[in-house]
Amino acid sequence: MTKNEWENIKEAADLLGLGERASLAEIKKAYRRLSRKHHPDMQKNAKQETEEIAMYDLTEAYQTLLQYCAGYRFPLLPGEGEEMEA
């Protein structure tokens, strides 16, 4: 995995408020919690556009982590002694 891919995964985890060793269940729970909070249908008109952007970002982060989990296992970051590819 390249350094850029690791950075994308770390950024996605941060956006969902997850730590380095989040489980698949924790990823889903965080996404659902944040989705309820930021869903545009739950907002007044003034905030709706902002929340649409937030939902898009949350969904992208969620999908990034799900794709990672499909082929790999946590932790999100390489362990000590492991190097990321450039």
N, C-alpha and C. Protein backbone atom coordinates (compact mmCIF):
# COMPACT_ATOMS: atom_id res chain seq x y z
N MET A 1 0.84 -1.16 0.00
CA MET A 1 0.00 0.00 0.00
C MET A 1 0.89 1.24 0.00
N THR A 2 0.51 2.19 -0.80
CA THR A 2 1.33 3.39 -0.92
C THR A 2 1.07 4.36 0.24
N LYS A 3 1.97 5.30 0.39
CA LYS A 3 1.83 6.31 1.44
C LYS A 3 0.54 7.11 1.24
N ASN A 4 0.22 7.43 0.00
CA ASN A 4 -0.99 8.19 -0.30
C ASN A 4 -2.24 7.40 0.10
N GLU A 5 -2.24 6.10 -0.15
CA GLU A 5 -3.39 5.27 0.23
C GLU A 5 -3.55 5.24 1.75
N TRP A 6 -2.42 5.11 2.47
CA TRP A 6 -2.48 5.13 3.93
C TRP A 6 -3.01 6.47 4.43
N GLU A 7 -2.59 7.55 3.80
CA GLU A 7 -3.07 8.87 4.20
C GLU A 7 -4.58 9.00 3.97
N ASN A 8 -5.08 8.47 2.87
CA ASN A 8 -6.52 8.49 2.59
C ASN A 8 -7.29 7.70 3.64
N ILE A 9 -6.76 6.56 4.04
CA ILE A 9 -7.42 5.73 5.04
C ILE A 9 -7.41 6.43 6.39
N LYS A 10 -6.28 7.00 6.76
CA LYS A 10 -6.17 7.72 8.03
C LYS A 10 -7.13 8.91 8.05
N GLU A 11 -7.19 9.65 6.95
CA GLU A 11 -8.09 10.80 6.85
C GLU A 11 -9.54 10.37 6.98
N ALA A 12 -9.90 9.25 6.35
CA ALA A 12 -11.26 8.72 6.43
C ALA A 12 -11.60 8.33 7.86
N ALA A 13 -10.66 7.67 8.53
CA ALA A 13 -10.88 7.27 9.92
C ALA A 13 -11.05 8.49 10.82
N ASP A 14 -10.22 9.49 10.61
CA ASP A 14 -10.32 10.73 11.39
C ASP A 14 -11.67 11.40 11.19
N LEU A 15 -12.14 11.45 9.96
CA LEU A 15 -13.42 12.09 9.65
C LEU A 15 -14.57 11.39 10.38
N LEU A 16 -14.47 10.08 10.50
CA LEU A 16 -15.50 9.32 11.20
C LEU A 16 -15.25 9.25 12.70
N GLY A 17 -14.16 9.85 13.16
CA GLY A 17 -13.85 9.87 14.58
C GLY A 17 -13.37 8.53 15.11
N LEU A 18 -12.69 7.76 14.27
CA LEU A 18 -12.25 6.43 14.64
C LEU A 18 -10.77 6.40 14.97
N GLY A 19 -10.40 5.45 15.81
CA GLY A 19 -9.01 5.25 16.16
C GLY A 19 -8.33 4.31 15.17
N GLU A 20 -7.10 3.99 15.47
CA GLU A 20 -6.28 3.18 14.57
C GLU A 20 -6.74 1.73 14.49
N ARG A 21 -7.43 1.25 15.48
CA ARG A 21 -7.81 -0.16 15.51
C ARG A 21 -9.33 -0.36 15.54
N ALA A 22 -10.03 0.44 14.78
CA ALA A 22 -11.49 0.34 14.72
C ALA A 22 -11.91 -0.93 14.00
N SER A 23 -12.96 -1.54 14.50
CA SER A 23 -13.50 -2.74 13.86
C SER A 23 -14.51 -2.33 12.78
N LEU A 24 -14.91 -3.29 11.98
CA LEU A 24 -15.92 -3.03 10.95
C LEU A 24 -17.22 -2.56 11.60
N ALA A 25 -17.59 -3.17 12.72
CA ALA A 25 -18.80 -2.76 13.43
C ALA A 25 -18.69 -1.32 13.92
N GLU A 26 -17.52 -0.93 14.40
CA GLU A 26 -17.31 0.44 14.87
C GLU A 26 -17.38 1.43 13.71
N ILE A 27 -16.87 1.03 12.55
CA ILE A 27 -16.93 1.89 11.36
C ILE A 27 -18.39 2.14 10.99
N LYS A 28 -19.18 1.07 10.94
CA LYS A 28 -20.59 1.19 10.58
C LYS A 28 -21.35 2.03 11.61
N LYS A 29 -21.07 1.81 12.89
CA LYS A 29 -21.74 2.55 13.95
C LYS A 29 -21.42 4.04 13.86
N ALA A 30 -20.16 4.37 13.63
CA ALA A 30 -19.75 5.78 13.52
C ALA A 30 -20.41 6.44 12.32
N TYR A 31 -20.45 5.73 11.19
CA TYR A 31 -21.08 6.29 9.99
C TYR A 31 -22.57 6.54 10.23
N ARG A 32 -23.24 5.58 10.81
CA ARG A 32 -24.68 5.74 11.05
C ARG A 32 -24.96 6.90 12.01
N ARG A 33 -24.16 7.01 13.07
CA ARG A 33 -24.34 8.09 14.04
C ARG A 33 -24.15 9.45 13.37
N LEU A 34 -23.07 9.59 12.60
CA LEU A 34 -22.80 10.86 11.94
C LEU A 34 -23.79 11.14 10.80
N SER A 35 -24.27 10.09 10.16
CA SER A 35 -25.27 10.27 9.09
C SER A 35 -26.56 10.85 9.64
N ARG A 36 -26.98 10.35 10.79
CA ARG A 36 -28.20 10.89 11.40
C ARG A 36 -28.02 12.36 11.77
N LYS A 37 -26.84 12.70 12.22
CA LYS A 37 -26.56 14.08 12.63
C LYS A 37 -26.49 15.04 11.44
N HIS A 38 -25.90 14.60 10.34
CA HIS A 38 -25.61 15.49 9.22
C HIS A 38 -26.50 15.32 8.00
N HIS A 39 -27.46 14.40 8.05
CA HIS A 39 -28.29 14.16 6.87
C HIS A 39 -29.05 15.44 6.50
N PRO A 40 -29.01 15.83 5.22
CA PRO A 40 -29.67 17.08 4.79
C PRO A 40 -31.16 17.12 5.10
N ASP A 41 -31.83 15.99 5.08
CA ASP A 41 -33.27 15.97 5.35
C ASP A 41 -33.59 16.31 6.81
N MET A 42 -32.59 16.25 7.67
CA MET A 42 -32.78 16.53 9.08
C MET A 42 -32.45 17.99 9.43
N GLN A 43 -32.11 18.79 8.44
CA GLN A 43 -31.65 20.16 8.68
C GLN A 43 -32.66 21.18 8.17
N LYS A 44 -32.56 22.36 8.70
CA LYS A 44 -33.34 23.48 8.19
C LYS A 44 -32.69 23.93 6.87
N ASN A 45 -33.43 24.62 6.04
CA ASN A 45 -32.96 25.01 4.71
C ASN A 45 -31.61 25.71 4.71
N ALA A 46 -31.34 26.55 5.68
CA ALA A 46 -30.09 27.31 5.70
C ALA A 46 -28.87 26.39 5.80
N LYS A 47 -29.02 25.27 6.48
CA LYS A 47 -27.89 24.37 6.67
C LYS A 47 -27.88 23.21 5.68
N GLN A 48 -28.91 23.06 4.89
CA GLN A 48 -29.06 21.88 4.06
C GLN A 48 -27.89 21.70 3.09
N GLU A 49 -27.46 22.75 2.43
CA GLU A 49 -26.36 22.62 1.46
C GLU A 49 -25.06 22.23 2.16
N THR A 50 -24.79 22.81 3.30
CA THR A 50 -23.59 22.47 4.07
C THR A 50 -23.63 21.01 4.49
N GLU A 51 -24.79 20.56 4.93
CA GLU A 51 -24.91 19.17 5.38
C GLU A 51 -24.84 18.19 4.20
N GLU A 52 -25.27 18.60 3.02
CA GLU A 52 -25.12 17.74 1.84
C GLU A 52 -23.64 17.48 1.58
N ILE A 53 -22.82 18.51 1.72
CA ILE A 53 -21.38 18.36 1.53
C ILE A 53 -20.81 17.46 2.62
N ALA A 54 -21.24 17.66 3.86
CA ALA A 54 -20.77 16.83 4.96
C ALA A 54 -21.15 15.37 4.73
N MET A 55 -22.37 15.12 4.29
CA MET A 55 -22.80 13.74 4.02
C MET A 55 -21.99 13.11 2.90
N TYR A 56 -21.68 13.87 1.88
CA TYR A 56 -20.86 13.36 0.79
C TYR A 56 -19.50 12.95 1.33
N ASP A 57 -18.88 13.80 2.14
CA ASP A 57 -17.57 13.49 2.71
C ASP A 57 -17.63 12.28 3.63
N LEU A 58 -18.67 12.18 4.45
CA LEU A 58 -18.83 11.03 5.33
C LEU A 58 -18.99 9.74 4.54
N THR A 59 -19.78 9.80 3.49
CA THR A 59 -20.01 8.61 2.66
C THR A 59 -18.73 8.18 1.95
N GLU A 60 -17.97 9.14 1.45
CA GLU A 60 -16.68 8.83 0.82
C GLU A 60 -15.74 8.17 1.83
N ALA A 61 -15.69 8.70 3.03
CA ALA A 61 -14.82 8.14 4.07
C ALA A 61 -15.26 6.73 4.43
N TYR A 62 -16.55 6.54 4.58
CA TYR A 62 -17.11 5.23 4.91
C TYR A 62 -16.77 4.21 3.82
N GLN A 63 -16.96 4.58 2.57
CA GLN A 63 -16.66 3.67 1.46
C GLN A 63 -15.17 3.36 1.39
N THR A 64 -14.32 4.34 1.66
CA THR A 64 -12.88 4.12 1.66
C THR A 64 -12.52 3.06 2.70
N LEU A 65 -13.07 3.19 3.89
CA LEU A 65 -12.76 2.23 4.96
C LEU A 65 -13.35 0.85 4.67
N LEU A 66 -14.54 0.80 4.09
CA LEU A 66 -15.13 -0.50 3.74
C LEU A 66 -14.30 -1.21 2.68
N GLN A 67 -13.82 -0.47 1.70
CA GLN A 67 -12.97 -1.07 0.67
C GLN A 67 -11.68 -1.58 1.28
N TYR A 68 -11.12 -0.83 2.21
CA TYR A 68 -9.90 -1.26 2.89
C TYR A 68 -10.16 -2.54 3.67
N CYS A 69 -11.28 -2.57 4.40
CA CYS A 69 -11.60 -3.75 5.21
C CYS A 69 -11.86 -4.98 4.36
N ALA A 70 -12.32 -4.78 3.15
CA ALA A 70 -12.61 -5.92 2.27
C ALA A 70 -11.34 -6.68 1.92
N GLY A 71 -10.22 -5.98 1.85
CA GLY A 71 -8.99 -6.65 1.45
C GLY A 71 -7.94 -6.75 2.53
N TYR A 72 -8.11 -6.02 3.60
CA TYR A 72 -7.11 -5.96 4.67
C TYR A 72 -7.80 -6.01 6.01
N ARG A 73 -7.01 -6.04 7.05
CA ARG A 73 -7.54 -5.95 8.40
C ARG A 73 -6.86 -4.79 9.11
N PHE A 74 -7.51 -4.30 10.13
CA PHE A 74 -6.95 -3.21 10.91
C PHE A 74 -5.74 -3.71 11.67
N PRO A 75 -4.83 -2.86 12.10
CA PRO A 75 -4.93 -1.44 12.32
C PRO A 75 -4.90 -0.63 11.03
N LEU A 76 -5.36 0.59 11.13
CA LEU A 76 -5.38 1.47 9.97
C LEU A 76 -3.99 1.87 9.54
N LEU A 77 -3.08 1.98 10.48
CA LEU A 77 -1.73 2.43 10.18
C LEU A 77 -0.78 1.26 10.25
N PRO A 78 0.32 1.30 9.47
CA PRO A 78 1.29 0.21 9.55
C PRO A 78 1.89 0.15 10.94
N GLY A 79 2.22 -1.06 11.37
CA GLY A 79 2.82 -1.23 12.68
C GLY A 79 4.26 -0.76 12.70
N GLU A 80 4.84 -0.78 13.89
CA GLU A 80 6.22 -0.36 14.01
C GLU A 80 7.11 -1.27 13.18
N GLY A 81 8.07 -0.68 12.55
CA GLY A 81 8.99 -1.44 11.72
C GLY A 81 8.51 -1.64 10.31
N GLU A 82 7.24 -1.38 10.04
CA GLU A 82 6.72 -1.50 8.69
C GLU A 82 6.88 -0.16 7.99
N GLU A 83 7.22 -0.21 6.74
CA GLU A 83 7.37 1.02 5.98
C GLU A 83 6.28 1.08 4.92
N MET A 84 5.83 2.28 4.67
CA MET A 84 4.87 2.49 3.59
C MET A 84 5.64 2.64 2.30
N GLU A 85 5.04 2.15 1.22
CA GLU A 85 5.65 2.32 -0.09
C GLU A 85 5.54 3.77 -0.50
N ALA A 86 6.53 4.25 -1.23
CA ALA A 86 6.49 5.65 -1.68
C ALA A 86 5.62 5.80 -2.90
